């Protein structure tokens, strides 16, 4: 039984290292950087161009309960107009990993995002994302993942936005325990290079 547990730990470590390497490489080609704070967590994300057909982003969240969550996203994206408002939408994958004390989880979530710039209020954007990973696409101690975000952003200058939003991250742990990894309002800044 220990050999199986050791093998699973080794696989988790390999996948974690691969995701960390991909996250590091995504920050090298970043065209935007987000930093978001709440009372209990700090989150940083680097993303490639919003105008490219494919967007790559990677992020890391630290929670005061010694919880570490990281992700790497690949989305096909489209910029268009909806009733005269500039919109950006994307569909793709979010690879998620977390570690908290003796519990680890890895998953590959499917989902997407959307963002609308409101022309009637120049500089104001509303956006959100939803990604879900069913049991078949999760590994280690986790049965499924859900990552949900909703936010508003206001451009205070051409290359910086102030953000206000809500993030909910949930993982079902093996054995039937539901775990909210993050459920909080946040305040953030977004910088474009």
Protein backbone atom coordinates (compact mmCIF):
# COMPACT_ATOMS: atom_id res chain seq x y z
CA UNK A 1 0.00 0.00 0.00
CA UNK A 2 2.91 2.36 0.78
CA UNK A 3 4.30 1.76 -2.73
CA UNK A 4 1.03 2.97 -4.25
CA UNK A 5 0.99 6.07 -2.03
CA UNK A 6 4.65 6.76 -2.82
CA UNK A 7 3.98 6.40 -6.56
CA UNK A 8 1.01 8.79 -6.33
CA UNK A 9 3.15 11.32 -4.43
CA UNK A 10 5.90 11.06 -7.04
CA UNK A 11 3.36 11.62 -9.84
CA UNK A 12 1.92 14.63 -7.98
CA UNK A 13 5.40 16.08 -7.53
CA UNK A 14 6.23 15.62 -11.24
CA UNK A 15 2.97 17.27 -12.31
CA UNK A 16 3.50 20.11 -9.82
CA UNK A 17 7.02 20.73 -11.14
CA UNK A 18 5.78 20.68 -14.74
CA UNK A 19 3.05 23.21 -13.92
CA UNK A 20 5.53 25.41 -12.02
CA UNK A 21 7.87 25.39 -15.05
CA UNK A 22 5.03 26.31 -17.39
CA UNK A 23 3.92 29.04 -14.97
CA UNK A 24 7.43 30.49 -14.89
CA UNK A 25 7.63 30.51 -18.69
CA UNK A 26 4.24 32.22 -18.99
CA UNK A 27 5.47 35.09 -16.81
CA UNK A 28 8.39 35.64 -19.21
CA UNK A 29 6.00 36.38 -22.08
CA UNK A 30 3.50 38.31 -19.97
CA UNK A 31 1.82 41.42 -21.27
CA UNK A 32 -0.27 41.96 -18.15
CA UNK A 33 0.14 41.32 -14.45
CA UNK A 34 -2.66 41.23 -11.85
CA UNK A 35 -2.24 41.48 -8.09
CA UNK A 36 -5.32 40.92 -5.91
CA UNK A 37 -5.67 41.09 -2.13
CA UNK A 38 -8.31 40.00 0.37
CA UNK A 39 -8.28 39.77 4.16
CA UNK A 40 -7.06 36.17 3.98
CA UNK A 41 -5.21 35.75 0.67
CA UNK A 42 -2.96 37.26 -1.98
CA UNK A 43 -3.17 36.30 -5.67
CA UNK A 44 -0.82 37.11 -8.55
CA UNK A 45 -1.40 36.31 -12.24
CA UNK A 46 0.61 36.96 -15.40
CA UNK A 47 -1.08 36.77 -18.82
CA UNK A 48 -0.06 36.93 -22.46
CA UNK A 49 -1.66 39.35 -24.94
CA UNK A 50 -5.40 40.03 -24.84
CA UNK A 51 -5.31 40.51 -28.62
CA UNK A 52 -3.72 37.17 -29.61
CA UNK A 53 -5.88 34.25 -30.77
CA UNK A 54 -4.65 32.19 -27.80
CA UNK A 55 -4.05 33.53 -24.32
CA UNK A 56 -1.76 31.80 -21.83
CA UNK A 57 -1.81 32.82 -18.17
CA UNK A 58 -0.50 31.50 -14.92
CA UNK A 59 -1.28 32.40 -11.36
CA UNK A 60 -0.53 31.66 -7.73
CA UNK A 61 -2.75 32.19 -4.69
CA UNK A 62 -1.54 32.02 -1.10
CA UNK A 63 -4.15 31.70 1.65
CA UNK A 64 -3.33 32.39 5.29
CA UNK A 65 -4.42 28.83 6.20
CA UNK A 66 -1.13 27.61 4.61
CA UNK A 67 -3.01 26.85 1.40
CA UNK A 68 -1.18 27.20 -1.93
CA UNK A 69 -3.16 27.19 -5.17
CA UNK A 70 -1.64 27.56 -8.62
CA UNK A 71 -3.01 27.41 -12.15
CA UNK A 72 -1.97 27.52 -15.78
CA UNK A 73 -4.58 28.54 -18.40
CA UNK A 74 -4.80 28.09 -22.16
CA UNK A 75 -7.77 29.82 -23.85
CA UNK A 76 -8.75 30.42 -27.44
CA UNK A 77 -10.05 33.98 -27.35
CA UNK A 78 -12.02 36.37 -29.48
CA UNK A 79 -12.40 40.15 -29.41
CA UNK A 80 -15.71 41.41 -30.79
CA UNK A 81 -18.54 43.85 -30.17
CA UNK A 82 -21.83 43.26 -28.37
CA UNK A 83 -24.41 46.02 -28.81
CA UNK A 84 -21.63 48.53 -29.35
CA UNK A 85 -19.60 47.38 -26.33
CA UNK A 86 -16.15 45.85 -26.82
CA UNK A 87 -16.13 42.25 -25.61
CA UNK A 88 -13.48 39.61 -25.09
CA UNK A 89 -14.41 35.96 -24.63
CA UNK A 90 -12.40 32.78 -24.30
CA UNK A 91 -12.86 29.04 -24.05
CA UNK A 92 -10.23 26.62 -22.88
CA UNK A 93 -8.46 24.77 -20.09
CA UNK A 94 -7.32 25.64 -16.59
CA UNK A 95 -4.81 23.26 -14.98
CA UNK A 96 -5.21 23.67 -11.20
CA UNK A 97 -3.10 22.40 -8.35
CA UNK A 98 -3.21 23.00 -4.62
CA UNK A 99 -1.50 21.93 -1.44
CA UNK A 100 -2.74 22.35 2.12
CA UNK A 101 -1.04 20.52 4.99
CA UNK A 102 -1.40 16.82 4.07
CA UNK A 103 -3.94 17.28 1.23
CA UNK A 104 -2.99 17.77 -2.42
CA UNK A 105 -5.11 18.15 -5.50
CA UNK A 106 -4.59 18.44 -9.23
CA UNK A 107 -7.17 18.90 -11.95
CA UNK A 108 -7.76 19.90 -15.53
CA UNK A 109 -10.82 22.17 -15.70
CA UNK A 110 -12.83 23.16 -18.78
CA UNK A 111 -14.48 26.55 -19.04
CA UNK A 112 -14.16 30.08 -20.20
CA UNK A 113 -14.25 33.78 -19.48
CA UNK A 114 -15.95 36.92 -20.71
CA UNK A 115 -15.29 40.63 -20.34
CA UNK A 116 -17.38 43.58 -21.54
CA UNK A 117 -16.17 47.18 -21.73
CA UNK A 118 -19.15 49.45 -21.15
CA UNK A 119 -19.04 52.32 -23.65
CA UNK A 120 -21.61 54.34 -21.68
CA UNK A 121 -19.15 54.45 -18.76
CA UNK A 122 -15.70 54.89 -20.33
CA UNK A 123 -13.05 52.77 -18.63
CA UNK A 124 -15.49 50.43 -16.84
CA UNK A 125 -15.29 46.67 -17.53
CA UNK A 126 -17.37 43.80 -16.17
CA UNK A 127 -16.11 40.25 -16.40
CA UNK A 128 -16.08 36.78 -15.04
CA UNK A 129 -14.94 33.22 -15.53
CA UNK A 130 -16.14 29.71 -14.75
CA UNK A 131 -14.07 26.51 -14.91
CA UNK A 132 -15.10 23.03 -13.78
CA UNK A 133 -13.10 19.81 -13.48
CA UNK A 134 -15.12 16.61 -13.00
CA UNK A 135 -13.79 13.60 -11.12
CA UNK A 136 -12.38 11.99 -14.27
CA UNK A 137 -10.02 14.97 -14.76
CA UNK A 138 -8.81 15.30 -11.14
CA UNK A 139 -5.94 13.55 -9.40
CA UNK A 140 -4.43 12.98 -5.98
CA UNK A 141 -6.81 13.72 -3.04
CA UNK A 142 -9.44 15.61 -5.07
CA UNK A 143 -12.68 14.48 -6.73
CA UNK A 144 -13.58 17.70 -8.58
CA UNK A 145 -12.76 21.42 -8.84
CA UNK A 146 -14.84 24.55 -9.39
CA UNK A 147 -13.26 28.00 -10.01
CA UNK A 148 -15.62 30.97 -10.31
CA UNK A 149 -14.78 34.67 -10.54
CA UNK A 150 -16.78 37.85 -11.12
CA UNK A 151 -15.26 41.31 -11.18
CA UNK A 152 -15.48 44.91 -12.27
CA UNK A 153 -12.45 46.94 -13.34
CA UNK A 154 -11.95 50.62 -13.93
CA UNK A 155 -9.09 52.04 -16.01
CA UNK A 156 -7.40 54.70 -13.93
CA UNK A 157 -4.76 55.19 -16.66
CA UNK A 158 -4.08 53.56 -20.05
CA UNK A 159 -1.89 50.81 -18.58
CA UNK A 160 -3.49 50.24 -15.14
CA UNK A 161 -6.90 49.13 -13.86
CA UNK A 162 -8.34 48.93 -10.35
CA UNK A 163 -10.38 45.76 -9.75
CA UNK A 164 -13.12 44.78 -7.33
CA UNK A 165 -14.42 41.23 -7.43
CA UNK A 166 -15.36 37.91 -5.88
CA UNK A 167 -13.56 34.56 -6.22
CA UNK A 168 -14.85 31.11 -5.24
CA UNK A 169 -12.68 28.00 -5.52
CA UNK A 170 -14.06 24.65 -4.35
CA UNK A 171 -12.58 21.16 -4.31
CA UNK A 172 -14.34 17.98 -3.28
CA UNK A 173 -11.83 15.98 -1.28
CA UNK A 174 -11.69 12.16 -1.51
CA UNK A 175 -14.06 10.69 1.05
CA UNK A 176 -16.92 13.09 0.41
CA UNK A 177 -15.63 16.21 2.18
CA UNK A 178 -16.49 19.49 0.41
CA UNK A 179 -13.74 22.02 0.71
CA UNK A 180 -13.98 25.71 -0.05
CA UNK A 181 -10.41 26.64 -0.90
CA UNK A 182 -11.26 30.31 -1.41
CA UNK A 183 -14.47 32.31 -1.03
CA UNK A 184 -13.76 36.01 -0.79
CA UNK A 185 -14.15 39.49 -2.16
CA UNK A 186 -10.92 41.02 -3.45
CA UNK A 187 -9.41 44.35 -4.41
CA UNK A 188 -6.74 44.37 -7.08
CA UNK A 189 -4.60 46.13 -9.63
CA UNK A 190 -3.96 45.11 -13.21
CA UNK A 191 -0.93 46.38 -15.10
CA UNK A 192 -0.44 46.17 -18.87
CA UNK A 193 3.04 46.24 -20.44
